[in-house]
Amino acid sequence: MKEKIQSLEKELSRLLGSATAPTAGAQPGRKKFKMSAAAKAKISAAAKARWARVKGTAQPAKAAAAPAPKKSKGKMSAATKAKLSAKLKAIWAKRRAAKK
């Protein structure tokens, strides 16, 4: 029975140009990638931290892996806001006038 299956697989691969892989075992000469336990732990910790940020829950972080504090965004002063508003109003008034 096994010989018949193998012969049919060979014929099928010959017809299809080796598009199908043999079903018995892994391909010879190909090694399986193995990840170290430390690498798995790092990836797991990073994934858990990402999900904690998404969910909004605090995850205790190690002191060495603590990210640098975020730089606060610069806030616009009232005077700068007023200048910008006046400038934009002038630009839009000019565009409206050009359309007419």
PDB file of N, CA and C in Angstrom:
ATOM      1  N   MET A   1       0.828  -1.196   0.000  1.00  0.00           N
ATOM      2  CA  MET A   1       0.000   0.000   0.000  1.00  0.00           C
ATOM      3  C   MET A   1       0.870   1.257   0.000  1.00  0.00           C
ATOM      4  N   LYS A   2       1.929   1.259   0.861  1.00  0.00           N
ATOM      5  CA  LYS A   2       2.818   2.410   0.946  1.00  0.00           C
ATOM      6  C   LYS A   2       3.546   2.638  -0.380  1.00  0.00           C
ATOM      7  N   GLU A   3       3.970   1.509  -1.004  1.00  0.00           N
ATOM      8  CA  GLU A   3       4.677   1.629  -2.289  1.00  0.00           C
ATOM      9  C   GLU A   3       3.769   2.247  -3.345  1.00  0.00           C
ATOM     10  N   LYS A   4       2.526   1.884  -3.314  1.00  0.00           N
ATOM     11  CA  LYS A   4       1.553   2.413  -4.295  1.00  0.00           C
ATOM     12  C   LYS A   4       1.370   3.924  -4.084  1.00  0.00           C
ATOM     13  N   ILE A   5       1.248   4.330  -2.813  1.00  0.00           N
ATOM     14  CA  ILE A   5       1.086   5.758  -2.497  1.00  0.00           C
ATOM     15  C   ILE A   5       2.326   6.533  -2.946  1.00  0.00           C
ATOM     16  N   GLN A   6       3.518   5.985  -2.649  1.00  0.00           N
ATOM     17  CA  GLN A   6       4.748   6.663  -3.037  1.00  0.00           C
ATOM     18  C   GLN A   6       4.886   6.772  -4.550  1.00  0.00           C
ATOM     19  N   SER A   7       4.532   5.723  -5.257  1.00  0.00           N
ATOM     20  CA  SER A   7       4.636   5.769  -6.717  1.00  0.00           C
ATOM     21  C   SER A   7       3.644   6.781  -7.292  1.00  0.00           C
ATOM     22  N   LEU A   8       2.454   6.847  -6.713  1.00  0.00           N
ATOM     23  CA  LEU A   8       1.465   7.825  -7.180  1.00  0.00           C
ATOM     24  C   LEU A   8       1.925   9.251  -6.875  1.00  0.00           C
ATOM     25  N   GLU A   9       2.534   9.453  -5.708  1.00  0.00           N
ATOM     26  CA  GLU A   9       3.060  10.771  -5.357  1.00  0.00           C
ATOM     27  C   GLU A   9       4.176  11.185  -6.309  1.00  0.00           C
ATOM     28  N   LYS A  10       5.061  10.237  -6.649  1.00  0.00           N
ATOM     29  CA  LYS A  10       6.149  10.533  -7.589  1.00  0.00           C
ATOM     30  C   LYS A  10       5.593  10.931  -8.953  1.00  0.00           C
ATOM     31  N   GLU A  11       4.610  10.184  -9.408  1.00  0.00           N
ATOM     32  CA  GLU A  11       4.017  10.485 -10.713  1.00  0.00           C
ATOM     33  C   GLU A  11       3.309  11.843 -10.694  1.00  0.00           C
ATOM     34  N   LEU A  12       2.618  12.128  -9.602  1.00  0.00           N
ATOM     35  CA  LEU A  12       1.929  13.412  -9.470  1.00  0.00           C
ATOM     36  C   LEU A  12       2.931  14.559  -9.438  1.00  0.00           C
ATOM     37  N   SER A  13       4.026  14.396  -8.696  1.00  0.00           N
ATOM     38  CA  SER A  13       5.042  15.452  -8.639  1.00  0.00           C
ATOM     39  C   SER A  13       5.720  15.627  -9.994  1.00  0.00           C
ATOM     40  N   ARG A  14       5.889  14.541 -10.744  1.00  0.00           N
ATOM     41  CA  ARG A  14       6.465  14.633 -12.080  1.00  0.00           C
ATOM     42  C   ARG A  14       5.533  15.410 -13.006  1.00  0.00           C
ATOM     43  N   LEU A  15       4.232  15.144 -12.894  1.00  0.00           N
ATOM     44  CA  LEU A  15       3.253  15.826 -13.745  1.00  0.00           C
ATOM     45  C   LEU A  15       3.093  17.296 -13.383  1.00  0.00           C
ATOM     46  N   LEU A  16       3.108  17.583 -12.084  1.00  0.00           N
ATOM     47  CA  LEU A  16       2.886  18.965 -11.628  1.00  0.00           C
ATOM     48  C   LEU A  16       4.185  19.741 -11.458  1.00  0.00           C
ATOM     49  N   GLY A  17       5.301  19.143 -11.732  1.00  0.00           N
ATOM     50  CA  GLY A  17       6.572  19.845 -11.607  1.00  0.00           C
ATOM     51  C   GLY A  17       6.997  20.008 -10.163  1.00  0.00           C
ATOM     52  N   SER A  18       6.874  18.976  -9.367  1.00  0.00           N
ATOM     53  CA  SER A  18       7.271  18.969  -7.950  1.00  0.00           C
ATOM     54  C   SER A  18       6.535  20.019  -7.137  1.00  0.00           C
ATOM     55  N   ALA A  19       5.276  20.294  -7.449  1.00  0.00           N
ATOM     56  CA  ALA A  19       4.485  21.273  -6.701  1.00  0.00           C
ATOM     57  C   ALA A  19       4.016  20.705  -5.375  1.00  0.00           C
ATOM     58  N   THR A  20       3.902  19.393  -5.291  1.00  0.00           N
ATOM     59  CA  THR A  20       3.449  18.781  -4.044  1.00  0.00           C
ATOM     60  C   THR A  20       4.638  18.189  -3.309  1.00  0.00           C
ATOM     61  N   ALA A  21       4.604  18.285  -1.993  1.00  0.00           N
ATOM     62  CA  ALA A  21       5.671  17.740  -1.156  1.00  0.00           C
ATOM     63  C   ALA A  21       5.274  16.349  -0.692  1.00  0.00           C
ATOM     64  N   PRO A  22       6.236  15.477  -0.497  1.00  0.00           N
ATOM     65  CA  PRO A  22       5.892  14.151   0.024  1.00  0.00           C
ATOM     66  C   PRO A  22       5.295  14.254   1.418  1.00  0.00           C
ATOM     67  N   THR A  23       4.340  13.382   1.701  1.00  0.00           N
ATOM     68  CA  THR A  23       3.628  13.461   2.972  1.00  0.00           C
ATOM     69  C   THR A  23       4.386  12.812   4.114  1.00  0.00           C
ATOM     70  N   ALA A  24       5.318  11.923   3.824  1.00  0.00           N
ATOM     71  CA  ALA A  24       6.008  11.187   4.883  1.00  0.00           C
ATOM     72  C   ALA A  24       7.172  11.995   5.440  1.00  0.00           C
ATOM     73  N   GLY A  25       7.000  12.578   6.631  1.00  0.00           N
ATOM     74  CA  GLY A  25       8.083  13.260   7.341  1.00  0.00           C
ATOM     75  C   GLY A  25       8.458  14.609   6.761  1.00  0.00           C
ATOM     76  N   ALA A  26       9.456  15.213   7.374  1.00  0.00           N
ATOM     77  CA  ALA A  26       9.935  16.524   6.938  1.00  0.00           C
ATOM     78  C   ALA A  26      10.875  16.358   5.754  1.00  0.00           C
ATOM     79  N   GLN A  27      11.164  17.453   5.071  1.00  0.00           N
ATOM     80  CA  GLN A  27      12.057  17.401   3.924  1.00  0.00           C
ATOM     81  C   GLN A  27      13.476  17.122   4.415  1.00  0.00           C
ATOM     82  N   PRO A  28      14.204  16.263   3.733  1.00  0.00           N
ATOM     83  CA  PRO A  28      15.569  15.954   4.169  1.00  0.00           C
ATOM     84  C   PRO A  28      16.491  17.145   3.942  1.00  0.00           C
ATOM     85  N   GLY A  29      17.457  17.319   4.853  1.00  0.00           N
ATOM     86  CA  GLY A  29      18.428  18.391   4.725  1.00  0.00           C
ATOM     87  C   GLY A  29      17.941  19.734   5.225  1.00  0.00           C
ATOM     88  N   ARG A  30      16.738  19.793   5.697  1.00  0.00           N
ATOM     89  CA  ARG A  30      16.194  21.063   6.173  1.00  0.00           C
ATOM     90  C   ARG A  30      16.086  21.017   7.692  1.00  0.00           C
ATOM     91  N   LYS A  31      16.744  21.960   8.363  1.00  0.00           N
ATOM     92  CA  LYS A  31      16.733  21.964   9.823  1.00  0.00           C
ATOM     93  C   LYS A  31      15.614  22.842  10.344  1.00  0.00           C
ATOM     94  N   LYS A  32      15.056  22.443  11.458  1.00  0.00           N
ATOM     95  CA  LYS A  32      13.992  23.216  12.089  1.00  0.00           C
ATOM     96  C   LYS A  32      14.622  24.296  12.965  1.00  0.00           C
ATOM     97  N   PHE A  33      14.117  25.519  12.854  1.00  0.00           N
ATOM     98  CA  PHE A  33      14.645  26.635  13.634  1.00  0.00           C
ATOM     99  C   PHE A  33      14.206  26.483  15.083  1.00  0.00           C
ATOM    100  N   LYS A  34      15.163  26.585  15.986  1.00  0.00           N
ATOM    101  CA  LYS A  34      14.847  26.495  17.409  1.00  0.00           C
ATOM    102  C   LYS A  34      15.189  27.816  18.073  1.00  0.00           C
ATOM    103  N   MET A  35      14.257  28.325  18.849  1.00  0.00           N
ATOM    104  CA  MET A  35      14.442  29.599  19.548  1.00  0.00           C
ATOM    105  C   MET A  35      14.805  29.301  21.001  1.00  0.00           C
ATOM    106  N   SER A  36      15.730  30.079  21.537  1.00  0.00           N
ATOM    107  CA  SER A  36      16.145  29.866  22.917  1.00  0.00           C
ATOM    108  C   SER A  36      15.028  30.283  23.870  1.00  0.00           C
ATOM    109  N   ALA A  37      15.093  29.765  25.070  1.00  0.00           N
ATOM    110  CA  ALA A  37      14.086  30.101  26.085  1.00  0.00           C
ATOM    111  C   ALA A  37      14.138  31.581  26.424  1.00  0.00           C
ATOM    112  N   ALA A  38      15.346  32.153  26.427  1.00  0.00           N
ATOM    113  CA  ALA A  38      15.490  33.579  26.738  1.00  0.00           C
ATOM    114  C   ALA A  38      14.819  34.434  25.661  1.00  0.00           C
ATOM    115  N   ALA A  39      15.003  34.040  24.401  1.00  0.00           N
ATOM    116  CA  ALA A  39      14.387  34.794  23.303  1.00  0.00           C
ATOM    117  C   ALA A  39      12.864  34.696  23.373  1.00  0.00           C
ATOM    118  N   LYS A  40      12.356  33.509  23.688  1.00  0.00           N
ATOM    119  CA  LYS A  40      10.903  33.336  23.829  1.00  0.00           C
ATOM    120  C   LYS A  40      10.364  34.208  24.956  1.00  0.00           C
ATOM    121  N   ALA A  41      11.110  34.261  26.072  1.00  0.00           N
ATOM    122  CA  ALA A  41      10.680  35.065  27.218  1.00  0.00           C
ATOM    123  C   ALA A  41      10.664  36.542  26.868  1.00  0.00           C
ATOM    124  N   LYS A  42      11.674  37.009  26.104  1.00  0.00           N
ATOM    125  CA  LYS A  42      11.723  38.413  25.685  1.00  0.00           C
ATOM    126  C   LYS A  42      10.529  38.755  24.813  1.00  0.00           C
ATOM    127  N   ILE A  43      10.254  37.892  23.845  1.00  0.00           N
ATOM    128  CA  ILE A  43       9.127  38.131  22.933  1.00  0.00           C
ATOM    129  C   ILE A  43       7.816  38.127  23.702  1.00  0.00           C
ATOM    130  N   SER A  44       7.671  37.192  24.622  1.00  0.00           N
ATOM    131  CA  SER A  44       6.461  37.105  25.429  1.00  0.00           C
ATOM    132  C   SER A  44       6.267  38.353  26.283  1.00  0.00           C
ATOM    133  N   ALA A  45       7.340  38.810  26.913  1.00  0.00           N
ATOM    134  CA  ALA A  45       7.251  40.006  27.757  1.00  0.00           C
ATOM    135  C   ALA A  45       6.887  41.230  26.925  1.00  0.00           C
ATOM    136  N   ALA A  46       7.476  41.339  25.739  1.00  0.00           N
ATOM    137  CA  ALA A  46       7.178  42.481  24.868  1.00  0.00           C
ATOM    138  C   ALA A  46       5.722  42.458  24.422  1.00  0.00           C
ATOM    139  N   ALA A  47       5.228  41.271  24.070  1.00  0.00           N
ATOM    140  CA  ALA A  47       3.833  41.147  23.638  1.00  0.00           C
ATOM    141  C   ALA A  47       2.879  41.493  24.777  1.00  0.00           C
ATOM    142  N   LYS A  48       3.186  41.033  25.975  1.00  0.00           N
ATOM    143  CA  LYS A  48       2.342  41.334  27.135  1.00  0.00           C
ATOM    144  C   LYS A  48       2.332  42.832  27.424  1.00  0.00           C
ATOM    145  N   ALA A  49       3.498  43.463  27.284  1.00  0.00           N
ATOM    146  CA  ALA A  49       3.575  44.912  27.515  1.00  0.00           C
ATOM    147  C   ALA A  49       2.758  45.670  26.475  1.00  0.00           C
ATOM    148  N   ARG A  50       2.822  45.212  25.206  1.00  0.00           N
ATOM    149  CA  ARG A  50       2.022  45.869  24.155  1.00  0.00           C
ATOM    150  C   ARG A  50       0.537  45.746  24.455  1.00  0.00           C
ATOM    151  N   TRP A  51       0.100  44.555  24.839  1.00  0.00           N
ATOM    152  CA  TRP A  51      -1.322  44.365  25.146  1.00  0.00           C
ATOM    153  C   TRP A  51      -1.732  45.178  26.367  1.00  0.00           C
ATOM    154  N   ALA A  52      -0.835  45.304  27.330  1.00  0.00           N
ATOM    155  CA  ALA A  52      -1.149  46.102  28.518  1.00  0.00           C
ATOM    156  C   ALA A  52      -1.369  47.557  28.123  1.00  0.00           C
ATOM    157  N   ARG A  53      -0.526  48.058  27.193  1.00  0.00           N
ATOM    158  CA  ARG A  53      -0.697  49.444  26.728  1.00  0.00           C
ATOM    159  C   ARG A  53      -2.016  49.587  25.984  1.00  0.00           C
ATOM    160  N   VAL A  54      -2.369  48.600  25.161  1.00  0.00           N
ATOM    161  CA  VAL A  54      -3.612  48.658  24.388  1.00  0.00           C
ATOM    162  C   VAL A  54      -4.816  48.645  25.317  1.00  0.00           C
ATOM    163  N   LYS A  55      -4.762  47.764  26.308  1.00  0.00           N
ATOM    164  CA  LYS A  55      -5.887  47.627  27.234  1.00  0.00           C
ATOM    165  C   LYS A  55      -5.918  48.720  28.284  1.00  0.00           C
ATOM    166  N   GLY A  56      -4.813  49.422  28.455  1.00  0.00           N
ATOM    167  CA  GLY A  56      -4.768  50.513  29.427  1.00  0.00           C
ATOM    168  C   GLY A  56      -4.471  50.054  30.832  1.00  0.00           C
ATOM    169  N   THR A  57      -3.994  48.851  30.991  1.00  0.00           N
ATOM    170  CA  THR A  57      -3.641  48.371  32.324  1.00  0.00           C
ATOM    171  C   THR A  57      -2.144  48.511  32.521  1.00  0.00           C
ATOM    172  N   ALA A  58      -1.745  48.756  33.739  1.00  0.00           N
ATOM    173  CA  ALA A  58      -0.322  48.949  34.042  1.00  0.00           C
ATOM    174  C   ALA A  58       0.362  47.602  34.123  1.00  0.00           C
ATOM    175  N   GLN A  59       1.511  47.503  33.497  1.00  0.00           N
ATOM    176  CA  GLN A  59       2.319  46.292  33.543  1.00  0.00           C
ATOM    177  C   GLN A  59       3.607  46.642  34.267  1.00  0.00           C
ATOM    178  N   PRO A  60       3.962  45.938  35.341  1.00  0.00           N
ATOM    179  CA  PRO A  60       5.210  46.261  36.028  1.00  0.00           C
ATOM    180  C   PRO A  60       6.395  46.032  35.100  1.00  0.00           C
ATOM    181  N   ALA A  61       7.193  47.071  34.889  1.00  0.00           N
ATOM    182  CA  ALA A  61       8.330  46.987  33.984  1.00  0.00           C
ATOM    183  C   ALA A  61       9.620  46.901  34.784  1.00  0.00           C
ATOM    184  N   LYS A  62      10.622  46.296  34.178  1.00  0.00           N
ATOM    185  CA  LYS A  62      11.931  46.204  34.808  1.00  0.00           C
ATOM    186  C   LYS A  62      12.598  47.560  34.710  1.00  0.00           C
ATOM    187  N   ALA A  63      13.503  47.847  35.628  1.00  0.00           N
ATOM    188  CA  ALA A  63      14.177  49.147  35.646  1.00  0.00           C
ATOM    189  C   ALA A  63      15.033  49.340  34.396  1.00  0.00           C
ATOM    190  N   ALA A  64      15.667  48.287  33.912  1.00  0.00           N
ATOM    191  CA  ALA A  64      16.538  48.399  32.739  1.00  0.00           C
ATOM    192  C   ALA A  64      15.731  48.606  31.468  1.00  0.00           C
ATOM    193  N   ALA A  65      14.533  48.054  31.410  1.00  0.00           N
ATOM    194  CA  ALA A  65      13.724  48.121  30.205  1.00  0.00           C
ATOM    195  C   ALA A  65      12.739  49.291  30.213  1.00  0.00           C
ATOM    196  N   ALA A  66      12.832  50.173  31.221  1.00  0.00           N
ATOM    197  CA  ALA A  66      11.898  51.295  31.305  1.00  0.00           C
ATOM    198  C   ALA A  66      12.169  52.287  30.185  1.00  0.00           C
ATOM    199  N   PRO A  67      11.133  52.673  29.432  1.00  0.00           N
ATOM    200  CA  PRO A  67      11.347  53.615  28.336  1.00  0.00           C
ATOM    201  C   PRO A  67      11.617  55.018  28.872  1.00  0.00           C
ATOM    202  N   ALA A  68      12.283  55.816  28.055  1.00  0.00           N
ATOM    203  CA  ALA A  68      12.580  57.193  28.443  1.00  0.00           C
ATOM    204  C   ALA A  68      11.276  57.976  28.525  1.00  0.00           C
ATOM    205  N   PRO A  69      11.175  58.942  29.428  1.00  0.00           N
ATOM    206  CA  PRO A  69       9.933  59.711  29.541  1.00  0.00           C
ATOM    207  C   PRO A  69       9.668  60.474  28.243  1.00  0.00           C
ATOM    208  N   LYS A  70       8.393  60.524  27.872  1.00  0.00           N
ATOM    209  CA  LYS A  70       8.024  61.191  26.632  1.00  0.00           C
ATOM    210  C   LYS A  70       8.197  62.697  26.757  1.00  0.00           C
ATOM    211  N   LYS A  71       8.624  63.283  25.657  1.00  0.00           N
ATOM    212  CA  LYS A  71       8.790  64.722  25.608  1.00  0.00           C
ATOM    213  C   LYS A  71       7.396  65.344  25.492  1.00  0.00           C
ATOM    214  N   SER A  72       7.120  66.321  26.348  1.00  0.00           N
ATOM    215  CA  SER A  72       5.791  66.928  26.310  1.00  0.00           C
ATOM    216  C   SER A  72       5.642  67.784  25.067  1.00  0.00           C
ATOM    217  N   LYS A  73       4.450  67.813  24.550  1.00  0.00           N
ATOM    218  CA  LYS A  73       4.189  68.599  23.351  1.00  0.00           C
ATOM    219  C   LYS A  73       4.176  70.076  23.707  1.00  0.00           C
ATOM    220  N   GLY A  74       4.713  70.867  22.806  1.00  0.00           N
ATOM    221  CA  GLY A  74       4.718  72.308  23.019  1.00  0.00           C
ATOM    222  C   GLY A  74       3.316  72.859  22.853  1.00  0.00           C
ATOM    223  N   LYS A  75       2.875  73.657  23.762  1.00  0.00           N
ATOM    224  CA  LYS A  75       1.530  74.230  23.668  1.00  0.00           C
ATOM    225  C   LYS A  75       1.624  75.617  23.070  1.00  0.00           C
ATOM    226  N   MET A  76       0.626  75.957  22.279  1.00  0.00           N
ATOM    227  CA  MET A  76       0.601  77.251  21.622  1.00  0.00           C
ATOM    228  C   MET A  76       0.058  78.309  22.578  1.00  0.00           C
ATOM    229  N   SER A  77       0.771  79.415  22.627  1.00  0.00           N
ATOM    230  CA  SER A  77       0.313  80.494  23.506  1.00  0.00           C
ATOM    231  C   SER A  77      -0.903  81.173  22.884  1.00  0.00           C
ATOM    232  N   ALA A  78      -1.632  81.919  23.700  1.00  0.00           N
ATOM    233  CA  ALA A  78      -2.833  82.611  23.219  1.00  0.00           C
ATOM    234  C   ALA A  78      -2.478  83.626  22.138  1.00  0.00           C
ATOM    235  N   ALA A  79      -1.344  84.323  22.302  1.00  0.00           N
ATOM    236  CA  ALA A  79      -0.921  85.317  21.316  1.00  0.00           C
ATOM    237  C   ALA A  79      -0.602  84.663  19.973  1.00  0.00           C
ATOM    238  N   THR A  80       0.105  83.527  20.018  1.00  0.00           N
ATOM    239  CA  THR A  80       0.452  82.819  18.789  1.00  0.00           C
ATOM    240  C   THR A  80      -0.799  82.293  18.110  1.00  0.00           C
ATOM    241  N   LYS A  81      -1.735  81.794  18.921  1.00  0.00           N
ATOM    242  CA  LYS A  81      -2.992  81.285  18.382  1.00  0.00           C
ATOM    243  C   LYS A  81      -3.769  82.398  17.672  1.00  0.00           C
ATOM    244  N   ALA A  82      -3.792  83.569  18.272  1.00  0.00           N
ATOM    245  CA  ALA A  82      -4.496  84.709  17.685  1.00  0.00           C
ATOM    246  C   ALA A  82      -3.841  85.140  16.373  1.00  0.00           C
ATOM    247  N   LYS A  83      -2.499  85.168  16.327  1.00  0.00           N
ATOM    248  CA  LYS A  83      -1.779  85.529  15.105  1.00  0.00           C
ATOM    249  C   LYS A  83      -2.091  84.544  13.981  1.00  0.00           C
ATOM    250  N   LEU A  84      -2.046  83.276  14.315  1.00  0.00           N
ATOM    251  CA  LEU A  84      -2.310  82.236  13.323  1.00  0.00           C
ATOM    252  C   LEU A  84      -3.741  82.324  12.814  1.00  0.00           C
ATOM    253  N   SER A  85      -4.668  82.543  13.717  1.00  0.00           N
ATOM    254  CA  SER A  85      -6.072  82.669  13.348  1.00  0.00           C
ATOM    255  C   SER A  85      -6.278  83.844  12.395  1.00  0.00           C
ATOM    256  N   ALA A  86      -5.666  84.978  12.711  1.00  0.00           N
ATOM    257  CA  ALA A  86      -5.797  86.162  11.856  1.00  0.00           C
ATOM    258  C   ALA A  86      -5.190  85.908  10.480  1.00  0.00           C
ATOM    259  N   LYS A  87      -4.047  85.242  10.457  1.00  0.00           N
ATOM    260  CA  LYS A  87      -3.374  84.954   9.195  1.00  0.00           C
ATOM    261  C   LYS A  87      -4.239  84.040   8.327  1.00  0.00           C
ATOM    262  N   LEU A  88      -4.806  82.981   8.935  1.00  0.00           N
ATOM    263  CA  LEU A  88      -5.650  82.053   8.187  1.00  0.00           C
ATOM    264  C   LEU A  88      -6.938  82.714   7.703  1.00  0.00           C
ATOM    265  N   LYS A  89      -7.512  83.580   8.526  1.00  0.00           N
ATOM    266  CA  LYS A  89      -8.715  84.305   8.106  1.00  0.00           C
ATOM    267  C   LYS A  89      -8.424  85.158   6.880  1.00  0.00           C
ATOM    268  N   ALA A  90      -7.245  85.777   6.862  1.00  0.00           N
ATOM    269  CA  ALA A  90      -6.847  86.599   5.715  1.00  0.00           C
ATOM    270  C   ALA A  90      -6.651  85.735   4.469  1.00  0.00           C
ATOM    271  N   ILE A  91      -6.038  84.576   4.635  1.00  0.00           N
ATOM    272  CA  ILE A  91      -5.820  83.663   3.505  1.00  0.00           C
ATOM    273  C   ILE A  91      -7.149  83.220   2.923  1.00  0.00           C
ATOM    274  N   TRP A  92      -8.089  82.800   3.789  1.00  0.00           N
ATOM    275  CA  TRP A  92      -9.384  82.319   3.309  1.00  0.00           C
ATOM    276  C   TRP A  92     -10.202  83.457   2.686  1.00  0.00           C
ATOM    277  N   ALA A  93     -10.105  84.653   3.235  1.00  0.00           N
ATOM    278  CA  ALA A  93     -10.812  85.801   2.655  1.00  0.00           C
ATOM    279  C   ALA A  93     -10.279  86.079   1.249  1.00  0.00           C
ATOM    280  N   LYS A  94      -8.959  85.959   1.085  1.00  0.00           N
ATOM    281  CA  LYS A  94      -8.332  86.181  -0.208  1.00  0.00           C
ATOM    282  C   LYS A  94      -8.805  85.138  -1.221  1.00  0.00           C
ATOM    283  N   ARG A  95      -8.893  83.871  -0.781  1.00  0.00           N
ATOM    284  CA  ARG A  95      -9.363  82.793  -1.673  1.00  0.00           C
ATOM    285  C   ARG A  95     -10.819  83.000  -2.075  1.00  0.00           C
ATOM    286  N   ARG A  96     -11.656  83.402  -1.100  1.00  0.00           N
ATOM    287  CA  ARG A  96     -13.083  83.639  -1.395  1.00  0.00           C
ATOM    288  C   ARG A  96     -13.223  84.773  -2.408  1.00  0.00           C
ATOM    289  N   ALA A  97     -12.418  85.804  -2.231  1.00  0.00           N
ATOM    290  CA  ALA A  97     -12.469  86.951  -3.146  1.00  0.00           C
ATOM    291  C   ALA A  97     -12.006  86.556  -4.540  1.00  0.00           C
ATOM    292  N   ALA A  98     -11.031  85.660  -4.624  1.00  0.00           N
ATOM    293  CA  ALA A  98     -10.514  85.223  -5.916  1.00  0.00           C
ATOM    294  C   ALA A  98     -11.529  84.362  -6.670  1.00  0.00           C
ATOM    295  N   LYS A  99     -12.371  83.644  -5.955  1.00  0.00           N
ATOM    296  CA  LYS A  99     -13.398  82.802  -6.580  1.00  0.00           C
ATOM    297  C   LYS A  99     -14.470  83.649  -7.247  1.00  0.00           C
ATOM    298  N   LYS A 100     -14.795  84.800  -6.680  1.00  0.00           N
ATOM    299  CA  LYS A 100     -15.903  85.631  -7.187  1.00  0.00           C
ATOM    300  C   LYS A 100     -15.555  86.388  -8.416  1.00  0.00           C
TER     301      LYS A 100
END
